[in-house]
Amino acid sequence: DPKGFNSPLVAVKKKDGSIRLCVNF
């Protein structure tokens, strides 16, 4: 459902340089 619930994705850079995906609820 493209009109359903969604929350913004936040890409956080970790100390080792990789990315952690978080969701802002």
mmCIF file of all heavy atoms, coordinates in Angstrom:
data_MODEL
# 
_entry.id   MODEL 
# 
loop_
_atom_site.group_PDB 
_atom_site.id 
_atom_site.type_symbol 
_atom_site.label_atom_id 
_atom_site.label_alt_id 
_atom_site.label_comp_id 
_atom_site.label_asym_id 
_atom_site.label_entity_id 
_atom_site.label_seq_id 
_atom_site.pdbx_PDB_ins_code 
_atom_site.Cartn_x 
_atom_site.Cartn_y 
_atom_site.Cartn_z 
_atom_site.occupancy 
_atom_site.B_iso_or_equiv 
_atom_site.pdbx_formal_charge 
_atom_site.auth_seq_id 
_atom_site.auth_comp_id 
_atom_site.auth_asym_id 
_atom_site.auth_atom_id 
_atom_site.pdbx_PDB_model_num 
ATOM 1   N N   . ASP A 1 1  ? 0.838  -1.191 0.000  1.00 0.00 ? 1  ASP A N   1 
ATOM 2   C CA  . ASP A 1 1  ? 0.000  0.000  0.000  1.00 0.00 ? 1  ASP A CA  1 
ATOM 3   C C   . ASP A 1 1  ? 0.878  1.248  0.000  1.00 0.00 ? 1  ASP A C   1 
ATOM 4   O O   . ASP A 1 1  ? 1.416  1.638  1.033  1.00 0.00 ? 1  ASP A O   1 
ATOM 5   C CB  . ASP A 1 1  ? -0.905 -0.003 1.237  1.00 0.00 ? 1  ASP A CB  1 
ATOM 6   C CG  . ASP A 1 1  ? -1.818 1.217  1.321  1.00 0.00 ? 1  ASP A CG  1 
ATOM 7   O OD1 . ASP A 1 1  ? -1.828 2.028  0.370  1.00 0.00 ? 1  ASP A OD1 1 
ATOM 8   O OD2 . ASP A 1 1  ? -2.509 1.358  2.338  1.00 0.00 ? 1  ASP A OD2 1 
ATOM 9   N N   . PRO A 1 2  ? 1.035  1.916  -1.143 1.00 0.00 ? 2  PRO A N   1 
ATOM 10  C CA  . PRO A 1 2  ? 1.911  3.092  -1.200 1.00 0.00 ? 2  PRO A CA  1 
ATOM 11  C C   . PRO A 1 2  ? 1.415  4.265  -0.364 1.00 0.00 ? 2  PRO A C   1 
ATOM 12  O O   . PRO A 1 2  ? 2.174  5.177  -0.077 1.00 0.00 ? 2  PRO A O   1 
ATOM 13  C CB  . PRO A 1 2  ? 1.940  3.455  -2.692 1.00 0.00 ? 2  PRO A CB  1 
ATOM 14  C CG  . PRO A 1 2  ? 0.678  2.887  -3.242 1.00 0.00 ? 2  PRO A CG  1 
ATOM 15  C CD  . PRO A 1 2  ? 0.373  1.659  -2.422 1.00 0.00 ? 2  PRO A CD  1 
ATOM 16  N N   . LYS A 1 3  ? 0.150  4.255  0.035  1.00 0.00 ? 3  LYS A N   1 
ATOM 17  C CA  . LYS A 1 3  ? -0.394 5.328  0.857  1.00 0.00 ? 3  LYS A CA  1 
ATOM 18  C C   . LYS A 1 3  ? -0.438 4.946  2.326  1.00 0.00 ? 3  LYS A C   1 
ATOM 19  O O   . LYS A 1 3  ? -0.960 5.682  3.148  1.00 0.00 ? 3  LYS A O   1 
ATOM 20  C CB  . LYS A 1 3  ? -1.803 5.680  0.388  1.00 0.00 ? 3  LYS A CB  1 
ATOM 21  C CG  . LYS A 1 3  ? -1.854 6.230  -1.012 1.00 0.00 ? 3  LYS A CG  1 
ATOM 22  C CD  . LYS A 1 3  ? -3.280 6.520  -1.405 1.00 0.00 ? 3  LYS A CD  1 
ATOM 23  C CE  . LYS A 1 3  ? -3.344 6.965  -2.850 1.00 0.00 ? 3  LYS A CE  1 
ATOM 24  N NZ  . LYS A 1 3  ? -4.728 7.156  -3.272 1.00 0.00 ? 3  LYS A NZ  1 
ATOM 25  N N   . GLY A 1 4  ? 0.107  3.804  2.675  1.00 0.00 ? 4  GLY A N   1 
ATOM 26  C CA  . GLY A 1 4  ? 0.027  3.304  4.039  1.00 0.00 ? 4  GLY A CA  1 
ATOM 27  C C   . GLY A 1 4  ? 1.008  3.978  4.973  1.00 0.00 ? 4  GLY A C   1 
ATOM 28  O O   . GLY A 1 4  ? 1.570  5.032  4.684  1.00 0.00 ? 4  GLY A O   1 
ATOM 29  N N   . PHE A 1 5  ? 1.227  3.346  6.104  1.00 0.00 ? 5  PHE A N   1 
ATOM 30  C CA  . PHE A 1 5  ? 2.148  3.873  7.091  1.00 0.00 ? 5  PHE A CA  1 
ATOM 31  C C   . PHE A 1 5  ? 3.570  3.828  6.548  1.00 0.00 ? 5  PHE A C   1 
ATOM 32  O O   . PHE A 1 5  ? 3.985  2.848  5.945  1.00 0.00 ? 5  PHE A O   1 
ATOM 33  C CB  . PHE A 1 5  ? 2.093  3.038  8.374  1.00 0.00 ? 5  PHE A CB  1 
ATOM 34  C CG  . PHE A 1 5  ? 0.883  3.315  9.208  1.00 0.00 ? 5  PHE A CG  1 
ATOM 35  C CD1 . PHE A 1 5  ? -0.323 2.707  8.932  1.00 0.00 ? 5  PHE A CD1 1 
ATOM 36  C CD2 . PHE A 1 5  ? 0.947  4.196  10.272 1.00 0.00 ? 5  PHE A CD2 1 
ATOM 37  C CE1 . PHE A 1 5  ? -1.438 2.966  9.702  1.00 0.00 ? 5  PHE A CE1 1 
ATOM 38  C CE2 . PHE A 1 5  ? -0.161 4.462  11.045 1.00 0.00 ? 5  PHE A CE2 1 
ATOM 39  C CZ  . PHE A 1 5  ? -1.360 3.844  10.757 1.00 0.00 ? 5  PHE A CZ  1 
ATOM 40  N N   . ASN A 1 6  ? 4.326  4.863  6.747  1.00 0.00 ? 6  ASN A N   1 
ATOM 41  C CA  . ASN A 1 6  ? 5.760  4.855  6.481  1.00 0.00 ? 6  ASN A CA  1 
ATOM 42  C C   . ASN A 1 6  ? 6.418  5.850  7.424  1.00 0.00 ? 6  ASN A C   1 
ATOM 43  O O   . ASN A 1 6  ? 5.763  6.717  7.974  1.00 0.00 ? 6  ASN A O   1 
ATOM 44  C CB  . ASN A 1 6  ? 6.091  5.150  5.015  1.00 0.00 ? 6  ASN A CB  1 
ATOM 45  C CG  . ASN A 1 6  ? 5.843  6.585  4.622  1.00 0.00 ? 6  ASN A CG  1 
ATOM 46  O OD1 . ASN A 1 6  ? 5.540  7.428  5.450  1.00 0.00 ? 6  ASN A OD1 1 
ATOM 47  N ND2 . ASN A 1 6  ? 5.962  6.877  3.352  1.00 0.00 ? 6  ASN A ND2 1 
ATOM 48  N N   . SER A 1 7  ? 7.684  5.661  7.643  1.00 0.00 ? 7  SER A N   1 
ATOM 49  C CA  . SER A 1 7  ? 8.454  6.551  8.511  1.00 0.00 ? 7  SER A CA  1 
ATOM 50  C C   . SER A 1 7  ? 9.782  6.839  7.828  1.00 0.00 ? 7  SER A C   1 
ATOM 51  O O   . SER A 1 7  ? 10.312 5.992  7.110  1.00 0.00 ? 7  SER A O   1 
ATOM 52  C CB  . SER A 1 7  ? 8.704  5.884  9.875  1.00 0.00 ? 7  SER A CB  1 
ATOM 53  O OG  . SER A 1 7  ? 7.477  5.677  10.542 1.00 0.00 ? 7  SER A OG  1 
ATOM 54  N N   . PRO A 1 8  ? 10.345 8.021  8.053  1.00 0.00 ? 8  PRO A N   1 
ATOM 55  C CA  . PRO A 1 8  ? 11.592 8.397  7.390  1.00 0.00 ? 8  PRO A CA  1 
ATOM 56  C C   . PRO A 1 8  ? 12.777 7.516  7.798  1.00 0.00 ? 8  PRO A C   1 
ATOM 57  O O   . PRO A 1 8  ? 12.956 7.184  8.965  1.00 0.00 ? 8  PRO A O   1 
ATOM 58  C CB  . PRO A 1 8  ? 11.830 9.838  7.853  1.00 0.00 ? 8  PRO A CB  1 
ATOM 59  C CG  . PRO A 1 8  ? 10.511 10.324 8.335  1.00 0.00 ? 8  PRO A CG  1 
ATOM 60  C CD  . PRO A 1 8  ? 9.797  9.116  8.846  1.00 0.00 ? 8  PRO A CD  1 
ATOM 61  N N   . LEU A 1 9  ? 13.572 7.154  6.812  1.00 0.00 ? 9  LEU A N   1 
ATOM 62  C CA  . LEU A 1 9  ? 14.795 6.386  7.011  1.00 0.00 ? 9  LEU A CA  1 
ATOM 63  C C   . LEU A 1 9  ? 15.936 7.353  7.313  1.00 0.00 ? 9  LEU A C   1 
ATOM 64  O O   . LEU A 1 9  ? 16.034 8.414  6.697  1.00 0.00 ? 9  LEU A O   1 
ATOM 65  C CB  . LEU A 1 9  ? 15.119 5.596  5.742  1.00 0.00 ? 9  LEU A CB  1 
ATOM 66  C CG  . LEU A 1 9  ? 16.368 4.747  5.755  1.00 0.00 ? 9  LEU A CG  1 
ATOM 67  C CD1 . LEU A 1 9  ? 16.163 3.547  6.684  1.00 0.00 ? 9  LEU A CD1 1 
ATOM 68  C CD2 . LEU A 1 9  ? 16.697 4.262  4.361  1.00 0.00 ? 9  LEU A CD2 1 
ATOM 69  N N   . VAL A 1 10 ? 16.786 6.982  8.257  1.00 0.00 ? 10 VAL A N   1 
ATOM 70  C CA  . VAL A 1 10 ? 17.943 7.789  8.612  1.00 0.00 ? 10 VAL A CA  1 
ATOM 71  C C   . VAL A 1 10 ? 19.176 6.904  8.474  1.00 0.00 ? 10 VAL A C   1 
ATOM 72  O O   . VAL A 1 10 ? 19.242 5.834  9.080  1.00 0.00 ? 10 VAL A O   1 
ATOM 73  C CB  . VAL A 1 10 ? 17.837 8.328  10.062 1.00 0.00 ? 10 VAL A CB  1 
ATOM 74  C CG1 . VAL A 1 10 ? 19.039 9.182  10.404 1.00 0.00 ? 10 VAL A CG1 1 
ATOM 75  C CG2 . VAL A 1 10 ? 16.551 9.107  10.256 1.00 0.00 ? 10 VAL A CG2 1 
ATOM 76  N N   . ALA A 1 11 ? 20.138 7.319  7.652  1.00 0.00 ? 11 ALA A N   1 
ATOM 77  C CA  . ALA A 1 11 ? 21.380 6.570  7.465  1.00 0.00 ? 11 ALA A CA  1 
ATOM 78  C C   . ALA A 1 11 ? 22.458 7.199  8.336  1.00 0.00 ? 11 ALA A C   1 
ATOM 79  O O   . ALA A 1 11 ? 22.882 8.321  8.103  1.00 0.00 ? 11 ALA A O   1 
ATOM 80  C CB  . ALA A 1 11 ? 21.801 6.596  6.002  1.00 0.00 ? 11 ALA A CB  1 
ATOM 81  N N   . VAL A 1 12 ? 22.885 6.465  9.367  1.00 0.00 ? 12 VAL A N   1 
ATOM 82  C CA  . VAL A 1 12 ? 23.861 6.973  10.326 1.00 0.00 ? 12 VAL A CA  1 
ATOM 83  C C   . VAL A 1 12 ? 25.207 6.300  10.063 1.00 0.00 ? 12 VAL A C   1 
ATOM 84  O O   . VAL A 1 12 ? 25.287 5.082  9.964  1.00 0.00 ? 12 VAL A O   1 
ATOM 85  C CB  . VAL A 1 12 ? 23.398 6.679  11.775 1.00 0.00 ? 12 VAL A CB  1 
ATOM 86  C CG1 . VAL A 1 12 ? 24.409 7.202  12.776 1.00 0.00 ? 12 VAL A CG1 1 
ATOM 87  C CG2 . VAL A 1 12 ? 22.027 7.287  12.027 1.00 0.00 ? 12 VAL A CG2 1 
ATOM 88  N N   . LYS A 1 13 ? 26.248 7.109  9.954  1.00 0.00 ? 13 LYS A N   1 
ATOM 89  C CA  . LYS A 1 13 ? 27.588 6.564  9.738  1.00 0.00 ? 13 LYS A CA  1 
ATOM 90  C C   . LYS A 1 13 ? 28.162 6.083  11.071 1.00 0.00 ? 13 LYS A C   1 
ATOM 91  O O   . LYS A 1 13 ? 28.186 6.828  12.049 1.00 0.00 ? 13 LYS A O   1 
ATOM 92  C CB  . LYS A 1 13 ? 28.500 7.619  9.123  1.00 0.00 ? 13 LYS A CB  1 
ATOM 93  C CG  . LYS A 1 13 ? 29.823 7.086  8.680  1.00 0.00 ? 13 LYS A CG  1 
ATOM 94  C CD  . LYS A 1 13 ? 30.597 8.146  7.927  1.00 0.00 ? 13 LYS A CD  1 
ATOM 95  C CE  . LYS A 1 13 ? 31.915 7.600  7.441  1.00 0.00 ? 13 LYS A CE  1 
ATOM 96  N NZ  . LYS A 1 13 ? 32.659 8.607  6.691  1.00 0.00 ? 13 LYS A NZ  1 
ATOM 97  N N   . LYS A 1 14 ? 28.605 4.811  11.105 1.00 0.00 ? 14 LYS A N   1 
ATOM 98  C CA  . LYS A 1 14 ? 29.180 4.243  12.322 1.00 0.00 ? 14 LYS A CA  1 
ATOM 99  C C   . LYS A 1 14 ? 30.677 4.564  12.386 1.00 0.00 ? 14 LYS A C   1 
ATOM 100 O O   . LYS A 1 14 ? 31.276 5.019  11.418 1.00 0.00 ? 14 LYS A O   1 
ATOM 101 C CB  . LYS A 1 14 ? 28.954 2.728  12.342 1.00 0.00 ? 14 LYS A CB  1 
ATOM 102 C CG  . LYS A 1 14 ? 27.480 2.371  12.365 1.00 0.00 ? 14 LYS A CG  1 
ATOM 103 C CD  . LYS A 1 14 ? 27.163 0.922  12.648 1.00 0.00 ? 14 LYS A CD  1 
ATOM 104 C CE  . LYS A 1 14 ? 27.917 -0.123 11.901 1.00 0.00 ? 14 LYS A CE  1 
ATOM 105 N NZ  . LYS A 1 14 ? 27.406 -1.480 12.119 1.00 0.00 ? 14 LYS A NZ  1 
ATOM 106 N N   . LYS A 1 15 ? 31.280 4.318  13.551 1.00 0.00 ? 15 LYS A N   1 
ATOM 107 C CA  . LYS A 1 15 ? 32.699 4.625  13.750 1.00 0.00 ? 15 LYS A CA  1 
ATOM 108 C C   . LYS A 1 15 ? 33.588 3.908  12.742 1.00 0.00 ? 15 LYS A C   1 
ATOM 109 O O   . LYS A 1 15 ? 34.621 4.430  12.328 1.00 0.00 ? 15 LYS A O   1 
ATOM 110 C CB  . LYS A 1 15 ? 33.136 4.244  15.158 1.00 0.00 ? 15 LYS A CB  1 
ATOM 111 C CG  . LYS A 1 15 ? 32.613 5.166  16.230 1.00 0.00 ? 15 LYS A CG  1 
ATOM 112 C CD  . LYS A 1 15 ? 33.119 4.762  17.596 1.00 0.00 ? 15 LYS A CD  1 
ATOM 113 C CE  . LYS A 1 15 ? 32.564 5.670  18.672 1.00 0.00 ? 15 LYS A CE  1 
ATOM 114 N NZ  . LYS A 1 15 ? 33.046 5.297  20.012 1.00 0.00 ? 15 LYS A NZ  1 
ATOM 115 N N   . ASP A 1 16 ? 33.187 2.676  12.344 1.00 0.00 ? 16 ASP A N   1 
ATOM 116 C CA  . ASP A 1 16 ? 34.010 1.911  11.407 1.00 0.00 ? 16 ASP A CA  1 
ATOM 117 C C   . ASP A 1 16 ? 33.785 2.326  9.949  1.00 0.00 ? 16 ASP A C   1 
ATOM 118 O O   . ASP A 1 16 ? 34.352 1.747  9.030  1.00 0.00 ? 16 ASP A O   1 
ATOM 119 C CB  . ASP A 1 16 ? 33.778 0.408  11.577 1.00 0.00 ? 16 ASP A CB  1 
ATOM 120 C CG  . ASP A 1 16 ? 32.379 -0.036 11.180 1.00 0.00 ? 16 ASP A CG  1 
ATOM 121 O OD1 . ASP A 1 16 ? 31.573 0.800  10.720 1.00 0.00 ? 16 ASP A OD1 1 
ATOM 122 O OD2 . ASP A 1 16 ? 32.085 -1.239 11.330 1.00 0.00 ? 16 ASP A OD2 1 
ATOM 123 N N   . GLY A 1 17 ? 32.925 3.332  9.718  1.00 0.00 ? 17 GLY A N   1 
ATOM 124 C CA  . GLY A 1 17 ? 32.686 3.836  8.377  1.00 0.00 ? 17 GLY A CA  1 
ATOM 125 C C   . GLY A 1 17 ? 31.484 3.204  7.689  1.00 0.00 ? 17 GLY A C   1 
ATOM 126 O O   . GLY A 1 17 ? 31.047 3.690  6.649  1.00 0.00 ? 17 GLY A O   1 
ATOM 127 N N   . SER A 1 18 ? 30.952 2.123  8.232  1.00 0.00 ? 18 SER A N   1 
ATOM 128 C CA  . SER A 1 18 ? 29.776 1.494  7.637  1.00 0.00 ? 18 SER A CA  1 
ATOM 129 C C   . SER A 1 18 ? 28.520 2.296  7.998  1.00 0.00 ? 18 SER A C   1 
ATOM 130 O O   . SER A 1 18 ? 28.575 3.251  8.773  1.00 0.00 ? 18 SER A O   1 
ATOM 131 C CB  . SER A 1 18 ? 29.648 0.043  8.093  1.00 0.00 ? 18 SER A CB  1 
ATOM 132 O OG  . SER A 1 18 ? 29.449 -0.035 9.485  1.00 0.00 ? 18 SER A OG  1 
ATOM 133 N N   . ILE A 1 19 ? 27.406 1.901  7.439  1.00 0.00 ? 19 ILE A N   1 
ATOM 134 C CA  . ILE A 1 19 ? 26.152 2.628  7.621  1.00 0.00 ? 19 ILE A CA  1 
ATOM 135 C C   . ILE A 1 19 ? 25.197 1.814  8.491  1.00 0.00 ? 19 ILE A C   1 
ATOM 136 O O   . ILE A 1 19 ? 25.049 0.616  8.322  1.00 0.00 ? 19 ILE A O   1 
ATOM 137 C CB  . ILE A 1 19 ? 25.479 2.894  6.247  1.00 0.00 ? 19 ILE A CB  1 
ATOM 138 C CG1 . ILE A 1 19 ? 26.389 3.711  5.342  1.00 0.00 ? 19 ILE A CG1 1 
ATOM 139 C CG2 . ILE A 1 19 ? 24.130 3.566  6.403  1.00 0.00 ? 19 ILE A CG2 1 
ATOM 140 C CD1 . ILE A 1 19 ? 26.679 5.103  5.812  1.00 0.00 ? 19 ILE A CD1 1 
ATOM 141 N N   . ARG A 1 20 ? 24.542 2.495  9.422  1.00 0.00 ? 20 ARG A N   1 
ATOM 142 C CA  . ARG A 1 20 ? 23.465 1.886  10.216 1.00 0.00 ? 20 ARG A CA  1 
ATOM 143 C C   . ARG A 1 20 ? 22.160 2.517  9.761  1.00 0.00 ? 20 ARG A C   1 
ATOM 144 O O   . ARG A 1 20 ? 22.045 3.740  9.717  1.00 0.00 ? 20 ARG A O   1 
ATOM 145 C CB  . ARG A 1 20 ? 23.667 2.151  11.702 1.00 0.00 ? 20 ARG A CB  1 
ATOM 146 C CG  . ARG A 1 20 ? 22.480 1.687  12.553 1.00 0.00 ? 20 ARG A CG  1 
ATOM 147 C CD  . ARG A 1 20 ? 22.672 1.946  14.035 1.00 0.00 ? 20 ARG A CD  1 
ATOM 148 N NE  . ARG A 1 20 ? 23.710 1.051  14.539 1.00 0.00 ? 20 ARG A NE  1 
ATOM 149 C CZ  . ARG A 1 20 ? 24.832 1.457  15.142 1.00 0.00 ? 20 ARG A CZ  1 
ATOM 150 N NH1 . ARG A 1 20 ? 25.057 2.740  15.313 1.00 0.00 ? 20 ARG A NH1 1 
ATOM 151 N NH2 . ARG A 1 20 ? 25.709 0.595  15.572 1.00 0.00 ? 20 ARG A NH2 1 
ATOM 152 N N   . LEU A 1 21 ? 21.197 1.683  9.387  1.00 0.00 ? 21 LEU A N   1 
ATOM 153 C CA  . LEU A 1 21 ? 19.894 2.193  8.989  1.00 0.00 ? 21 LEU A CA  1 
ATOM 154 C C   . LEU A 1 21 ? 18.993 2.285  10.207 1.00 0.00 ? 21 LEU A C   1 
ATOM 155 O O   . LEU A 1 21 ? 18.827 1.319  10.940 1.00 0.00 ? 21 LEU A O   1 
ATOM 156 C CB  . LEU A 1 21 ? 19.262 1.283  7.931  1.00 0.00 ? 21 LEU A CB  1 
ATOM 157 C CG  . LEU A 1 21 ? 20.014 1.189  6.614  1.00 0.00 ? 21 LEU A CG  1 
ATOM 158 C CD1 . LEU A 1 21 ? 19.245 0.320  5.626  1.00 0.00 ? 21 LEU A CD1 1 
ATOM 159 C CD2 . LEU A 1 21 ? 20.265 2.563  6.023  1.00 0.00 ? 21 LEU A CD2 1 
ATOM 160 N N   . CYS A 1 22 ? 18.426 3.448  10.411 1.00 0.00 ? 22 CYS A N   1 
ATOM 161 C CA  . CYS A 1 22 ? 17.516 3.700  11.525 1.00 0.00 ? 22 CYS A CA  1 
ATOM 162 C C   . CYS A 1 22 ? 16.222 4.264  10.947 1.00 0.00 ? 22 CYS A C   1 
ATOM 163 O O   . CYS A 1 22 ? 16.196 4.771  9.835  1.00 0.00 ? 22 CYS A O   1 
ATOM 164 C CB  . CYS A 1 22 ? 18.117 4.717  12.497 1.00 0.00 ? 22 CYS A CB  1 
ATOM 165 S SG  . CYS A 1 22 ? 19.717 4.235  13.152 1.00 0.00 ? 22 CYS A SG  1 
ATOM 166 N N   . VAL A 1 23 ? 15.159 4.162  11.721 1.00 0.00 ? 23 VAL A N   1 
ATOM 167 C CA  . VAL A 1 23 ? 13.875 4.700  11.294 1.00 0.00 ? 23 VAL A CA  1 
ATOM 168 C C   . VAL A 1 23 ? 13.411 5.710  12.337 1.00 0.00 ? 23 VAL A C   1 
ATOM 169 O O   . VAL A 1 23 ? 13.471 5.453  13.533 1.00 0.00 ? 23 VAL A O   1 
ATOM 170 C CB  . VAL A 1 23 ? 12.826 3.577  11.139 1.00 0.00 ? 23 VAL A CB  1 
ATOM 171 C CG1 . VAL A 1 23 ? 11.502 4.152  10.689 1.00 0.00 ? 23 VAL A CG1 1 
ATOM 172 C CG2 . VAL A 1 23 ? 13.312 2.525  10.157 1.00 0.00 ? 23 VAL A CG2 1 
ATOM 173 N N   . ASN A 1 24 ? 12.966 6.870  11.876 1.00 0.00 ? 24 ASN A N   1 
ATOM 174 C CA  . ASN A 1 24 ? 12.485 7.917  12.763 1.00 0.00 ? 24 ASN A CA  1 
ATOM 175 C C   . ASN A 1 24 ? 10.961 7.788  12.888 1.00 0.00 ? 24 ASN A C   1 
ATOM 176 O O   . ASN A 1 24 ? 10.222 8.166  11.983 1.00 0.00 ? 24 ASN A O   1 
ATOM 177 C CB  . ASN A 1 24 ? 12.864 9.285  12.211 1.00 0.00 ? 24 ASN A CB  1 
ATOM 178 C CG  . ASN A 1 24 ? 12.407 10.412 13.098 1.00 0.00 ? 24 ASN A CG  1 
ATOM 179 O OD1 . ASN A 1 24 ? 11.747 10.201 14.103 1.00 0.00 ? 24 ASN A OD1 1 
ATOM 180 N ND2 . ASN A 1 24 ? 12.749 11.630 12.717 1.00 0.00 ? 24 ASN A ND2 1 
ATOM 181 N N   . PHE A 1 25 ? 10.499 7.246  14.013 1.00 0.00 ? 25 PHE A N   1 
ATOM 182 C CA  . PHE A 1 25 ? 9.071  7.051  14.240 1.00 0.00 ? 25 PHE A CA  1 
ATOM 183 C C   . PHE A 1 25 ? 8.414  8.240  14.941 1.00 0.00 ? 25 PHE A C   1 
ATOM 184 O O   . PHE A 1 25 ? 7.242  8.176  15.300 1.00 0.00 ? 25 PHE A O   1 
ATOM 185 C CB  . PHE A 1 25 ? 8.836  5.785  15.073 1.00 0.00 ? 25 PHE A CB  1 
ATOM 186 C CG  . PHE A 1 25 ? 9.169  4.520  14.348 1.00 0.00 ? 25 PHE A CG  1 
ATOM 187 C CD1 . PHE A 1 25 ? 10.253 3.750  14.738 1.00 0.00 ? 25 PHE A CD1 1 
ATOM 188 C CD2 . PHE A 1 25 ? 8.408  4.096  13.283 1.00 0.00 ? 25 PHE A CD2 1 
ATOM 189 C CE1 . PHE A 1 25 ? 10.557 2.572  14.076 1.00 0.00 ? 25 PHE A CE1 1 
ATOM 190 C CE2 . PHE A 1 25 ? 8.698  2.923  12.610 1.00 0.00 ? 25 PHE A CE2 1 
ATOM 191 C CZ  . PHE A 1 25 ? 9.779  2.159  13.005 1.00 0.00 ? 25 PHE A CZ  1 
# 
